[in-house]
Amino acid sequence: MYPHEEILEAIEDNPIITAVKDQEGLETCLKTESKIVFILFGDICNIGKIVKRVKDVHKIAIVHMDLLGGIGSKEVAVDFMREQTMADGIISTKLTLLKRAKELGMFTVLRVFILDSMALKSIAKQAEQAKPDVMEILPGIMPKITQQIVQKISVPIICGGLISDKEDIIGAISAGASAISSTNSEVWRL
């Protein structure tokens, strides 16, 4: 498992994080410069193999727990992820899963959807409760909102969702985001 400092350095070194939603995307991302892979697919039967594939090429594997099939939302699911797959970290919208991952020494990404002003207002409270290593906000194409969040939150911000070109990346980074995440393989090459 990669130390938290090394993961944060990897984000700093290359602010484009590959996010994969299928096997084809996984194979493509393994050939990129990005050191971090957000795994957004899989199930209880194959997640170990997916994580191993990422780690075999010396990349950091961070699994989105909420998107895995056959894995519940109880803390024991995080124990399974740590013990059976050796994932470096998890992504989740669920505070209980993030808290358990922190207890196990895993890297944590709190994913937050900014749907309206109420979601924006509650973001600082969520960050305080979860104490994530980083926060990922979606959609990531809102520079003005990203700038507001960066001013409120003391952890690095990753912008994800709907990032489709260099302009989107520049907008997010210029607004204070530490990185972007994208499933778009064209973005990975920018």
N, C-alpha and C. Protein backbone atom coordinates (compact mmCIF):
# COMPACT_ATOMS: atom_id res chain seq x y z
N MET A 1 0.85 -1.18 0.00
CA MET A 1 0.00 0.00 0.00
C MET A 1 0.90 1.24 0.00
N TYR A 2 0.56 2.18 -0.88
CA TYR A 2 1.33 3.41 -0.98
C TYR A 2 1.05 4.31 0.22
N PRO A 3 2.09 4.96 0.75
CA PRO A 3 1.88 5.94 1.83
C PRO A 3 1.08 7.14 1.31
N HIS A 4 0.31 7.75 2.20
CA HIS A 4 -0.52 8.90 1.83
C HIS A 4 0.30 10.01 1.19
N GLU A 5 1.47 10.28 1.72
CA GLU A 5 2.31 11.36 1.19
C GLU A 5 2.69 11.08 -0.26
N GLU A 6 2.96 9.83 -0.57
CA GLU A 6 3.34 9.46 -1.93
C GLU A 6 2.15 9.62 -2.89
N ILE A 7 0.95 9.32 -2.42
CA ILE A 7 -0.25 9.50 -3.25
C ILE A 7 -0.47 10.99 -3.51
N LEU A 8 -0.34 11.81 -2.48
CA LEU A 8 -0.50 13.26 -2.66
C LEU A 8 0.57 13.82 -3.60
N GLU A 9 1.79 13.30 -3.52
CA GLU A 9 2.85 13.72 -4.43
C GLU A 9 2.52 13.32 -5.87
N ALA A 10 1.94 12.13 -6.04
CA ALA A 10 1.57 11.66 -7.38
C ALA A 10 0.50 12.57 -7.98
N ILE A 11 -0.41 13.05 -7.15
CA ILE A 11 -1.44 13.99 -7.61
C ILE A 11 -0.78 15.30 -8.04
N GLU A 12 0.18 15.76 -7.25
CA GLU A 12 0.88 17.00 -7.58
C GLU A 12 1.70 16.87 -8.85
N ASP A 13 2.36 15.72 -9.01
CA ASP A 13 3.22 15.50 -10.17
C ASP A 13 2.45 15.41 -11.48
N ASN A 14 1.26 14.81 -11.44
CA ASN A 14 0.46 14.67 -12.65
C ASN A 14 -1.00 14.87 -12.27
N PRO A 15 -1.54 16.05 -12.52
CA PRO A 15 -2.90 16.36 -12.06
C PRO A 15 -4.03 15.72 -12.88
N ILE A 16 -3.69 14.82 -13.81
CA ILE A 16 -4.73 14.12 -14.55
C ILE A 16 -4.80 12.69 -14.01
N ILE A 17 -5.91 12.38 -13.36
CA ILE A 17 -6.13 11.06 -12.78
C ILE A 17 -7.00 10.25 -13.73
N THR A 18 -6.53 9.06 -14.06
CA THR A 18 -7.32 8.18 -14.91
C THR A 18 -8.40 7.51 -14.07
N ALA A 19 -9.62 7.58 -14.56
CA ALA A 19 -10.75 6.91 -13.92
C ALA A 19 -11.28 5.91 -14.94
N VAL A 20 -11.42 4.66 -14.52
CA VAL A 20 -11.80 3.61 -15.47
C VAL A 20 -13.14 3.00 -15.10
N LYS A 21 -13.97 2.80 -16.12
CA LYS A 21 -15.31 2.27 -15.90
C LYS A 21 -15.54 0.91 -16.56
N ASP A 22 -14.49 0.40 -17.23
CA ASP A 22 -14.61 -0.92 -17.85
C ASP A 22 -13.21 -1.48 -18.14
N GLN A 23 -13.16 -2.72 -18.59
CA GLN A 23 -11.89 -3.41 -18.83
C GLN A 23 -11.08 -2.72 -19.92
N GLU A 24 -11.73 -2.25 -20.95
CA GLU A 24 -11.03 -1.55 -22.04
C GLU A 24 -10.34 -0.29 -21.52
N GLY A 25 -11.05 0.49 -20.71
CA GLY A 25 -10.46 1.68 -20.12
C GLY A 25 -9.29 1.34 -19.21
N LEU A 26 -9.43 0.24 -18.48
CA LEU A 26 -8.35 -0.21 -17.60
C LEU A 26 -7.08 -0.47 -18.40
N GLU A 27 -7.20 -1.24 -19.48
CA GLU A 27 -6.03 -1.57 -20.28
C GLU A 27 -5.39 -0.32 -20.88
N THR A 28 -6.20 0.63 -21.31
CA THR A 28 -5.68 1.87 -21.88
C THR A 28 -4.97 2.70 -20.81
N CYS A 29 -5.57 2.82 -19.63
CA CYS A 29 -4.99 3.69 -18.60
C CYS A 29 -3.66 3.16 -18.08
N LEU A 30 -3.46 1.87 -18.16
CA LEU A 30 -2.22 1.29 -17.66
C LEU A 30 -1.01 1.74 -18.47
N LYS A 31 -1.25 2.27 -19.67
CA LYS A 31 -0.18 2.74 -20.55
C LYS A 31 0.05 4.25 -20.45
N THR A 32 -0.69 4.93 -19.58
CA THR A 32 -0.57 6.38 -19.45
C THR A 32 0.49 6.75 -18.41
N GLU A 33 0.80 8.03 -18.36
CA GLU A 33 1.75 8.53 -17.37
C GLU A 33 1.14 8.67 -15.99
N SER A 34 -0.17 8.76 -15.92
CA SER A 34 -0.84 8.94 -14.64
C SER A 34 -0.50 7.80 -13.69
N LYS A 35 -0.14 8.15 -12.49
CA LYS A 35 0.24 7.14 -11.49
C LYS A 35 -0.98 6.64 -10.71
N ILE A 36 -2.08 7.39 -10.77
CA ILE A 36 -3.26 7.06 -9.97
C ILE A 36 -4.39 6.58 -10.86
N VAL A 37 -5.05 5.50 -10.43
CA VAL A 37 -6.19 4.96 -11.16
C VAL A 37 -7.38 4.91 -10.21
N PHE A 38 -8.45 5.61 -10.58
CA PHE A 38 -9.72 5.49 -9.88
C PHE A 38 -10.49 4.36 -10.56
N ILE A 39 -10.77 3.30 -9.83
CA ILE A 39 -11.47 2.14 -10.37
C ILE A 39 -12.96 2.30 -10.08
N LEU A 40 -13.76 2.45 -11.15
CA LEU A 40 -15.18 2.74 -11.03
C LEU A 40 -16.05 1.57 -11.50
N PHE A 41 -15.50 0.39 -11.54
CA PHE A 41 -16.26 -0.78 -11.97
C PHE A 41 -15.76 -2.02 -11.25
N GLY A 42 -16.51 -3.10 -11.41
CA GLY A 42 -16.11 -4.37 -10.83
C GLY A 42 -17.14 -4.89 -9.86
N ASP A 43 -16.84 -6.08 -9.34
CA ASP A 43 -17.73 -6.69 -8.36
C ASP A 43 -16.89 -7.51 -7.39
N ILE A 44 -17.55 -8.12 -6.45
CA ILE A 44 -16.85 -8.86 -5.40
C ILE A 44 -15.99 -10.00 -5.98
N CYS A 45 -16.37 -10.51 -7.14
CA CYS A 45 -15.63 -11.62 -7.74
C CYS A 45 -14.38 -11.18 -8.49
N ASN A 46 -14.39 -9.98 -9.08
CA ASN A 46 -13.25 -9.60 -9.92
C ASN A 46 -12.45 -8.39 -9.43
N ILE A 47 -12.87 -7.72 -8.38
CA ILE A 47 -12.17 -6.50 -7.96
C ILE A 47 -10.72 -6.78 -7.55
N GLY A 48 -10.47 -7.93 -6.96
CA GLY A 48 -9.09 -8.28 -6.60
C GLY A 48 -8.19 -8.35 -7.82
N LYS A 49 -8.68 -8.93 -8.90
CA LYS A 49 -7.90 -9.04 -10.14
C LYS A 49 -7.69 -7.66 -10.78
N ILE A 50 -8.71 -6.82 -10.71
CA ILE A 50 -8.59 -5.47 -11.28
C ILE A 50 -7.53 -4.67 -10.52
N VAL A 51 -7.61 -4.70 -9.20
CA VAL A 51 -6.62 -3.99 -8.38
C VAL A 51 -5.22 -4.54 -8.64
N LYS A 52 -5.09 -5.85 -8.71
CA LYS A 52 -3.78 -6.47 -8.97
C LYS A 52 -3.21 -6.00 -10.30
N ARG A 53 -4.05 -5.91 -11.30
CA ARG A 53 -3.60 -5.45 -12.63
C ARG A 53 -3.01 -4.04 -12.53
N VAL A 54 -3.66 -3.17 -11.77
CA VAL A 54 -3.19 -1.79 -11.58
C VAL A 54 -1.87 -1.79 -10.82
N LYS A 55 -1.82 -2.55 -9.74
CA LYS A 55 -0.62 -2.56 -8.89
C LYS A 55 0.56 -3.26 -9.58
N ASP A 56 0.28 -4.19 -10.48
CA ASP A 56 1.36 -4.87 -11.21
C ASP A 56 2.18 -3.91 -12.08
N VAL A 57 1.58 -2.78 -12.48
CA VAL A 57 2.32 -1.80 -13.27
C VAL A 57 2.71 -0.60 -12.40
N HIS A 58 2.72 -0.82 -11.08
CA HIS A 58 3.19 0.16 -10.11
C HIS A 58 2.39 1.45 -10.10
N LYS A 59 1.08 1.31 -10.22
CA LYS A 59 0.18 2.44 -10.12
C LYS A 59 -0.61 2.33 -8.81
N ILE A 60 -1.20 3.41 -8.42
CA ILE A 60 -1.97 3.50 -7.18
C ILE A 60 -3.43 3.17 -7.50
N ALA A 61 -3.97 2.18 -6.80
CA ALA A 61 -5.34 1.71 -7.05
C ALA A 61 -6.29 2.25 -5.98
N ILE A 62 -7.24 3.08 -6.41
CA ILE A 62 -8.24 3.63 -5.50
C ILE A 62 -9.62 3.22 -6.03
N VAL A 63 -10.34 2.45 -5.23
CA VAL A 63 -11.59 1.82 -5.66
C VAL A 63 -12.81 2.60 -5.18
N HIS A 64 -13.74 2.82 -6.11
CA HIS A 64 -15.00 3.48 -5.75
C HIS A 64 -15.94 2.42 -5.19
N MET A 65 -16.05 2.39 -3.88
CA MET A 65 -16.82 1.37 -3.19
C MET A 65 -18.30 1.38 -3.56
N ASP A 66 -18.86 2.55 -3.79
CA ASP A 66 -20.30 2.67 -4.05
C ASP A 66 -20.70 2.05 -5.38
N LEU A 67 -19.76 1.84 -6.28
CA LEU A 67 -20.07 1.34 -7.62
C LEU A 67 -19.80 -0.14 -7.81
N LEU A 68 -19.31 -0.82 -6.77
CA LEU A 68 -18.99 -2.24 -6.89
C LEU A 68 -20.22 -3.12 -6.68
N GLY A 69 -20.35 -4.11 -7.51
CA GLY A 69 -21.45 -5.06 -7.36
C GLY A 69 -21.13 -6.10 -6.29
N GLY A 70 -22.15 -6.46 -5.52
CA GLY A 70 -22.00 -7.53 -4.54
C GLY A 70 -21.29 -7.15 -3.27
N ILE A 71 -20.98 -5.88 -3.11
CA ILE A 71 -20.31 -5.41 -1.89
C ILE A 71 -21.24 -4.40 -1.24
N GLY A 72 -21.59 -4.67 -0.01
CA GLY A 72 -22.52 -3.79 0.70
C GLY A 72 -21.88 -2.51 1.17
N SER A 73 -22.67 -1.73 1.89
CA SER A 73 -22.19 -0.43 2.37
C SER A 73 -21.86 -0.47 3.86
N LYS A 74 -21.58 -1.63 4.38
CA LYS A 74 -21.17 -1.74 5.79
C LYS A 74 -19.64 -1.67 5.87
N GLU A 75 -19.15 -1.34 7.07
CA GLU A 75 -17.71 -1.16 7.24
C GLU A 75 -16.90 -2.40 6.88
N VAL A 76 -17.47 -3.59 7.05
CA VAL A 76 -16.76 -4.82 6.74
C VAL A 76 -16.39 -4.89 5.25
N ALA A 77 -17.12 -4.19 4.40
CA ALA A 77 -16.78 -4.14 2.98
C ALA A 77 -15.42 -3.47 2.79
N VAL A 78 -15.12 -2.48 3.61
CA VAL A 78 -13.81 -1.81 3.53
C VAL A 78 -12.73 -2.75 4.04
N ASP A 79 -13.02 -3.50 5.09
CA ASP A 79 -12.07 -4.50 5.58
C ASP A 79 -11.74 -5.50 4.45
N PHE A 80 -12.76 -5.94 3.76
CA PHE A 80 -12.57 -6.86 2.63
C PHE A 80 -11.66 -6.22 1.58
N MET A 81 -11.94 -4.98 1.25
CA MET A 81 -11.16 -4.28 0.22
C MET A 81 -9.69 -4.21 0.63
N ARG A 82 -9.44 -3.90 1.87
CA ARG A 82 -8.05 -3.77 2.37
C ARG A 82 -7.34 -5.13 2.42
N GLU A 83 -8.01 -6.11 2.98
CA GLU A 83 -7.37 -7.42 3.21
C GLU A 83 -7.31 -8.29 1.96
N GLN A 84 -8.35 -8.26 1.14
CA GLN A 84 -8.43 -9.19 0.02
C GLN A 84 -7.94 -8.62 -1.31
N THR A 85 -7.90 -7.30 -1.44
CA THR A 85 -7.47 -6.72 -2.72
C THR A 85 -6.19 -5.90 -2.61
N MET A 86 -5.88 -5.44 -1.41
CA MET A 86 -4.72 -4.58 -1.19
C MET A 86 -4.83 -3.24 -1.94
N ALA A 87 -6.06 -2.78 -2.14
CA ALA A 87 -6.27 -1.45 -2.74
C ALA A 87 -5.61 -0.40 -1.86
N ASP A 88 -5.13 0.65 -2.47
CA ASP A 88 -4.46 1.72 -1.74
C ASP A 88 -5.44 2.67 -1.06
N GLY A 89 -6.65 2.74 -1.61
CA GLY A 89 -7.62 3.65 -1.04
C GLY A 89 -9.00 3.40 -1.60
N ILE A 90 -9.94 4.18 -1.08
CA ILE A 90 -11.31 4.07 -1.55
C ILE A 90 -11.88 5.44 -1.86
N ILE A 91 -12.89 5.43 -2.71
CA ILE A 91 -13.72 6.59 -3.01
C ILE A 91 -15.11 6.22 -2.51
N SER A 92 -15.80 7.16 -1.88
CA SER A 92 -17.17 6.89 -1.47
C SER A 92 -17.89 8.20 -1.16
N THR A 93 -19.20 8.12 -1.22
CA THR A 93 -20.06 9.21 -0.75
C THR A 93 -20.51 8.92 0.68
N LYS A 94 -20.20 7.72 1.16
CA LYS A 94 -20.68 7.27 2.47
C LYS A 94 -19.62 7.51 3.56
N LEU A 95 -19.97 8.35 4.52
CA LEU A 95 -19.02 8.74 5.56
C LEU A 95 -18.55 7.55 6.39
N THR A 96 -19.43 6.58 6.65
CA THR A 96 -19.03 5.43 7.48
C THR A 96 -17.94 4.60 6.80
N LEU A 97 -18.03 4.47 5.49
CA LEU A 97 -16.99 3.73 4.77
C LEU A 97 -15.66 4.47 4.79
N LEU A 98 -15.71 5.78 4.63
CA LEU A 98 -14.49 6.57 4.66
C LEU A 98 -13.83 6.55 6.03
N LYS A 99 -14.64 6.63 7.08
CA LYS A 99 -14.09 6.57 8.43
C LYS A 99 -13.40 5.23 8.69
N ARG A 100 -14.02 4.14 8.24
CA ARG A 100 -13.41 2.82 8.43
C ARG A 100 -12.12 2.71 7.63
N ALA A 101 -12.12 3.22 6.41
CA ALA A 101 -10.91 3.18 5.60
C ALA A 101 -9.77 3.94 6.28
N LYS A 102 -10.08 5.08 6.87
CA LYS A 102 -9.06 5.84 7.60
C LYS A 102 -8.50 5.03 8.77
N GLU A 103 -9.39 4.35 9.50
CA GLU A 103 -8.96 3.50 10.62
C GLU A 103 -7.99 2.41 10.14
N LEU A 104 -8.19 1.94 8.91
CA LEU A 104 -7.34 0.88 8.35
C LEU A 104 -6.10 1.43 7.66
N GLY A 105 -5.95 2.75 7.67
CA GLY A 105 -4.77 3.37 7.06
C GLY A 105 -4.85 3.54 5.55
N MET A 106 -6.05 3.43 5.01
CA MET A 106 -6.22 3.58 3.57
C MET A 106 -6.39 5.06 3.20
N PHE A 107 -6.06 5.39 1.97
CA PHE A 107 -6.26 6.73 1.43
C PHE A 107 -7.75 6.90 1.16
N THR A 108 -8.31 8.07 1.46
CA THR A 108 -9.74 8.26 1.30
C THR A 108 -10.08 9.45 0.41
N VAL A 109 -11.08 9.22 -0.45
CA VAL A 109 -11.59 10.25 -1.35
C VAL A 109 -13.08 10.37 -1.09
N LEU A 110 -13.50 11.52 -0.59
CA LEU A 110 -14.93 11.80 -0.42
C LEU A 110 -15.45 12.37 -1.73
N ARG A 111 -16.40 11.67 -2.33
CA ARG A 111 -17.00 12.13 -3.59
C ARG A 111 -18.28 12.87 -3.25
N VAL A 112 -18.39 14.10 -3.79
CA VAL A 112 -19.54 14.95 -3.50
C VAL A 112 -20.12 15.46 -4.81
N PHE A 113 -21.43 15.35 -4.94
CA PHE A 113 -22.14 15.86 -6.11
C PHE A 113 -22.70 17.23 -5.76
N ILE A 114 -22.33 18.25 -6.52
CA ILE A 114 -22.82 19.60 -6.29
C ILE A 114 -24.02 19.82 -7.22
N LEU A 115 -25.18 19.51 -6.69
CA LEU A 115 -26.39 19.58 -7.49
C LEU A 115 -27.12 20.91 -7.36
N ASP A 116 -26.95 21.56 -6.18
CA ASP A 116 -27.65 22.81 -5.93
C ASP A 116 -26.97 23.55 -4.79
N SER A 117 -27.56 24.69 -4.38
CA SER A 117 -26.95 25.51 -3.33
C SER A 117 -26.94 24.78 -1.97
N MET A 118 -27.91 23.92 -1.74
CA MET A 118 -27.93 23.17 -0.47
C MET A 118 -26.74 22.21 -0.39
N ALA A 119 -26.45 21.55 -1.49
CA ALA A 119 -25.29 20.65 -1.53
C ALA A 119 -24.00 21.44 -1.32
N LEU A 120 -23.93 22.62 -1.91
CA LEU A 120 -22.75 23.46 -1.76
C LEU A 120 -22.57 23.90 -0.31
N LYS A 121 -23.67 24.24 0.35
CA LYS A 121 -23.60 24.66 1.75
C LYS A 121 -23.16 23.53 2.68
N SER A 122 -23.54 22.30 2.37
CA SER A 122 -23.24 21.18 3.27
C SER A 122 -21.86 20.58 3.06
N ILE A 123 -21.13 21.05 2.06
CA ILE A 123 -19.85 20.43 1.73
C ILE A 123 -18.82 20.54 2.84
N ALA A 124 -18.75 21.67 3.51
CA ALA A 124 -17.78 21.84 4.60
C ALA A 124 -18.10 20.89 5.76
N LYS A 125 -19.37 20.73 6.05
CA LYS A 125 -19.78 19.81 7.12
C LYS A 125 -19.41 18.37 6.77
N GLN A 126 -19.64 17.97 5.52
CA GLN A 126 -19.28 16.62 5.09
C GLN A 126 -17.77 16.39 5.22
N ALA A 127 -17.00 17.38 4.80
CA ALA A 127 -15.54 17.26 4.88
C ALA A 127 -15.09 17.14 6.33
N GLU A 128 -15.69 17.90 7.20
CA GLU A 128 -15.34 17.85 8.62
C GLU A 128 -15.67 16.49 9.22
N GLN A 129 -16.81 15.94 8.86
CA GLN A 129 -17.22 14.64 9.40
C GLN A 129 -16.36 13.50 8.85
N ALA A 130 -16.08 13.51 7.56
CA ALA A 130 -15.35 12.40 6.92
C ALA A 130 -13.84 12.51 7.10
N LYS A 131 -13.33 13.73 7.18
CA LYS A 131 -11.89 13.98 7.25
C LYS A 131 -11.14 13.20 6.15
N PRO A 132 -11.56 13.39 4.89
CA PRO A 132 -10.92 12.66 3.80
C PRO A 132 -9.53 13.19 3.51
N ASP A 133 -8.75 12.39 2.80
CA ASP A 133 -7.44 12.86 2.34
C ASP A 133 -7.61 13.86 1.21
N VAL A 134 -8.58 13.61 0.33
CA VAL A 134 -8.94 14.54 -0.73
C VAL A 134 -10.45 14.47 -0.93
N MET A 135 -10.98 15.49 -1.60
CA MET A 135 -12.40 15.52 -1.92
C MET A 135 -12.52 15.64 -3.43
N GLU A 136 -13.41 14.83 -3.99
CA GLU A 136 -13.68 14.90 -5.42
C GLU A 136 -15.06 15.51 -5.60
N ILE A 137 -15.13 16.59 -6.38
CA ILE A 137 -16.42 17.23 -6.62
C ILE A 137 -16.86 16.98 -8.06
N LEU A 138 -18.15 16.74 -8.20
CA LEU A 138 -18.74 16.51 -9.51
C LEU A 138 -19.97 17.37 -9.67
N PRO A 139 -20.26 17.92 -10.82
CA PRO A 139 -19.40 17.91 -12.00
C PRO A 139 -18.21 18.84 -11.81
N GLY A 140 -17.15 18.52 -12.51
CA GLY A 140 -15.90 19.25 -12.35
C GLY A 140 -15.71 20.43 -13.27
N ILE A 141 -16.75 20.80 -13.97
CA ILE A 141 -16.63 21.87 -14.98
C ILE A 141 -17.22 23.19 -14.49
N MET A 142 -17.12 23.43 -13.18
CA MET A 142 -17.68 24.65 -12.59
C MET A 142 -16.58 25.43 -11.87
N PRO A 143 -15.75 26.15 -12.60
CA PRO A 143 -14.62 26.83 -11.96
C PRO A 143 -15.02 27.77 -10.81
N LYS A 144 -16.11 28.52 -10.97
CA LYS A 144 -16.51 29.45 -9.91
C LYS A 144 -16.89 28.69 -8.63
N ILE A 145 -17.58 27.59 -8.78
CA ILE A 145 -17.96 26.77 -7.62
C ILE A 145 -16.73 26.09 -7.03
N THR A 146 -15.85 25.59 -7.89
CA THR A 146 -14.61 24.97 -7.42
C THR A 146 -13.82 25.96 -6.57
N GLN A 147 -13.72 27.19 -7.03
CA GLN A 147 -12.99 28.21 -6.29
C GLN A 147 -13.60 28.44 -4.91
N GLN A 148 -14.92 28.48 -4.82
CA GLN A 148 -15.60 28.64 -3.53
C GLN A 148 -15.29 27.47 -2.60
N ILE A 149 -15.31 26.27 -3.14
CA ILE A 149 -15.06 25.07 -2.33
C ILE A 149 -13.62 25.04 -1.84
N VAL A 150 -12.69 25.37 -2.72
CA VAL A 150 -11.26 25.39 -2.34
C VAL A 150 -11.04 26.35 -1.17
N GLN A 151 -11.76 27.46 -1.15
CA GLN A 151 -11.62 28.43 -0.07
C GLN A 151 -12.21 27.93 1.24
N LYS A 152 -13.18 27.02 1.19
CA LYS A 152 -13.85 26.50 2.39
C LYS A 152 -13.21 25.25 2.96
N ILE A 153 -12.55 24.47 2.13
CA ILE A 153 -12.09 23.14 2.51
C ILE A 153 -10.56 23.12 2.61
N SER A 154 -10.07 22.41 3.61
CA SER A 154 -8.62 22.39 3.82
C SER A 154 -7.92 21.19 3.19
N VAL A 155 -8.64 20.33 2.49
CA VAL A 155 -8.01 19.19 1.81
C VAL A 155 -7.97 19.46 0.31
N PRO A 156 -7.07 18.80 -0.40
CA PRO A 156 -7.00 18.99 -1.85
C PRO A 156 -8.33 18.61 -2.53
N ILE A 157 -8.65 19.35 -3.59
CA ILE A 157 -9.88 19.13 -4.34
C ILE A 157 -9.53 18.54 -5.70
N ILE A 158 -10.28 17.51 -6.08
CA ILE A 158 -10.19 16.91 -7.40
C ILE A 158 -11.53 17.19 -8.10
N CYS A 159 -11.46 17.66 -9.32
CA CYS A 159 -12.68 17.90 -10.10
C CYS A 159 -12.89 16.71 -11.03
N GLY A 160 -14.08 16.14 -11.02
CA GLY A 160 -14.39 15.01 -11.89
C GLY A 160 -15.75 15.20 -12.52
N GLY A 161 -16.00 14.46 -13.54
CA GLY A 161 -17.31 14.51 -14.17
C GLY A 161 -17.40 15.58 -15.23
N LEU A 162 -17.65 15.16 -16.47
CA LEU A 162 -17.86 16.02 -17.62
C LEU A 162 -16.61 16.77 -18.09
N ILE A 163 -15.44 16.42 -17.59
CA ILE A 163 -14.19 17.02 -18.05
C ILE A 163 -13.91 16.41 -19.44
N SER A 164 -13.86 17.26 -20.46
CA SER A 164 -13.73 16.69 -21.80
C SER A 164 -12.60 17.27 -22.65
N ASP A 165 -11.97 18.35 -22.18
CA ASP A 165 -10.90 18.92 -23.00
C ASP A 165 -9.92 19.72 -22.13
N LYS A 166 -8.90 20.25 -22.79
CA LYS A 166 -7.85 21.00 -22.11
C LYS A 166 -8.42 22.22 -21.39
N GLU A 167 -9.40 22.88 -22.01
CA GLU A 167 -10.02 24.05 -21.40
C GLU A 167 -10.66 23.70 -20.04
N ASP A 168 -11.32 22.54 -19.96
CA ASP A 168 -11.92 22.10 -18.70
C ASP A 168 -10.85 21.86 -17.63
N ILE A 169 -9.75 21.26 -18.04
CA ILE A 169 -8.65 20.99 -17.11
C ILE A 169 -8.07 22.31 -16.60
N ILE A 170 -7.78 23.21 -17.50
CA ILE A 170 -7.21 24.50 -17.13
C ILE A 170 -8.16 25.26 -16.21
N GLY A 171 -9.45 25.23 -16.52
CA GLY A 171 -10.45 25.89 -15.68
C GLY A 171 -10.46 25.35 -14.26
N ALA A 172 -10.41 24.03 -14.13
CA ALA A 172 -10.43 23.41 -12.80
C ALA A 172 -9.15 23.72 -12.01
N ILE A 173 -8.01 23.57 -12.66
CA ILE A 173 -6.72 23.82 -11.99
C ILE A 173 -6.58 25.31 -11.65
N SER A 174 -6.98 26.17 -12.56
CA SER A 174 -6.90 27.61 -12.31
C SER A 174 -7.80 28.04 -11.14
N ALA A 175 -8.89 27.29 -10.94
CA ALA A 175 -9.82 27.60 -9.85
C ALA A 175 -9.32 27.07 -8.50
N GLY A 176 -8.20 26.35 -8.52
CA GLY A 176 -7.63 25.87 -7.27
C GLY A 176 -7.67 24.37 -7.06
N ALA A 177 -8.26 23.63 -7.99
CA ALA A 177 -8.27 22.18 -7.86
C ALA A 177 -6.85 21.64 -7.96
N SER A 178 -6.56 20.59 -7.22
CA SER A 178 -5.24 19.97 -7.27
C SER A 178 -5.11 19.04 -8.47
N ALA A 179 -6.25 18.51 -8.93
CA ALA A 179 -6.24 17.55 -10.03
C ALA A 179 -7.63 17.43 -10.62
N ILE A 180 -7.70 16.69 -11.74
CA ILE A 180 -9.00 16.33 -12.31
C ILE A 180 -8.99 14.81 -12.45
N SER A 181 -10.18 14.22 -12.47
CA SER A 181 -10.31 12.80 -12.79
C SER A 181 -11.24 12.69 -13.97
N SER A 182 -10.95 11.74 -14.85
CA SER A 182 -11.77 11.60 -16.04
C SER A 182 -11.74 10.16 -16.55
N THR A 183 -12.88 9.72 -17.08
CA THR A 183 -12.94 8.43 -17.76
C THR A 183 -12.65 8.58 -19.25
N ASN A 184 -12.49 9.80 -19.71
CA ASN A 184 -12.26 10.10 -21.12
C ASN A 184 -10.78 9.88 -21.45
N SER A 185 -10.50 8.84 -22.22
CA SER A 185 -9.10 8.51 -22.54
C SER A 185 -8.40 9.60 -23.35
N GLU A 186 -9.17 10.44 -24.07
CA GLU A 186 -8.57 11.56 -24.79
C GLU A 186 -7.99 12.57 -23.80
N VAL A 187 -8.66 12.77 -22.68
CA VAL A 187 -8.20 13.70 -21.65
C VAL A 187 -6.90 13.17 -21.00
N TRP A 188 -6.79 11.86 -20.87
CA TRP A 188 -5.59 11.28 -20.24
C TRP A 188 -4.32 11.64 -20.99
N ARG A 189 -4.42 11.91 -22.27
CA ARG A 189 -3.25 12.18 -23.10
C ARG A 189 -2.86 13.66 -23.16
N LEU A 190 -3.68 14.51 -22.54
CA LEU A 190 -3.41 15.96 -22.60
C LEU A 190 -2.27 16.36 -21.68
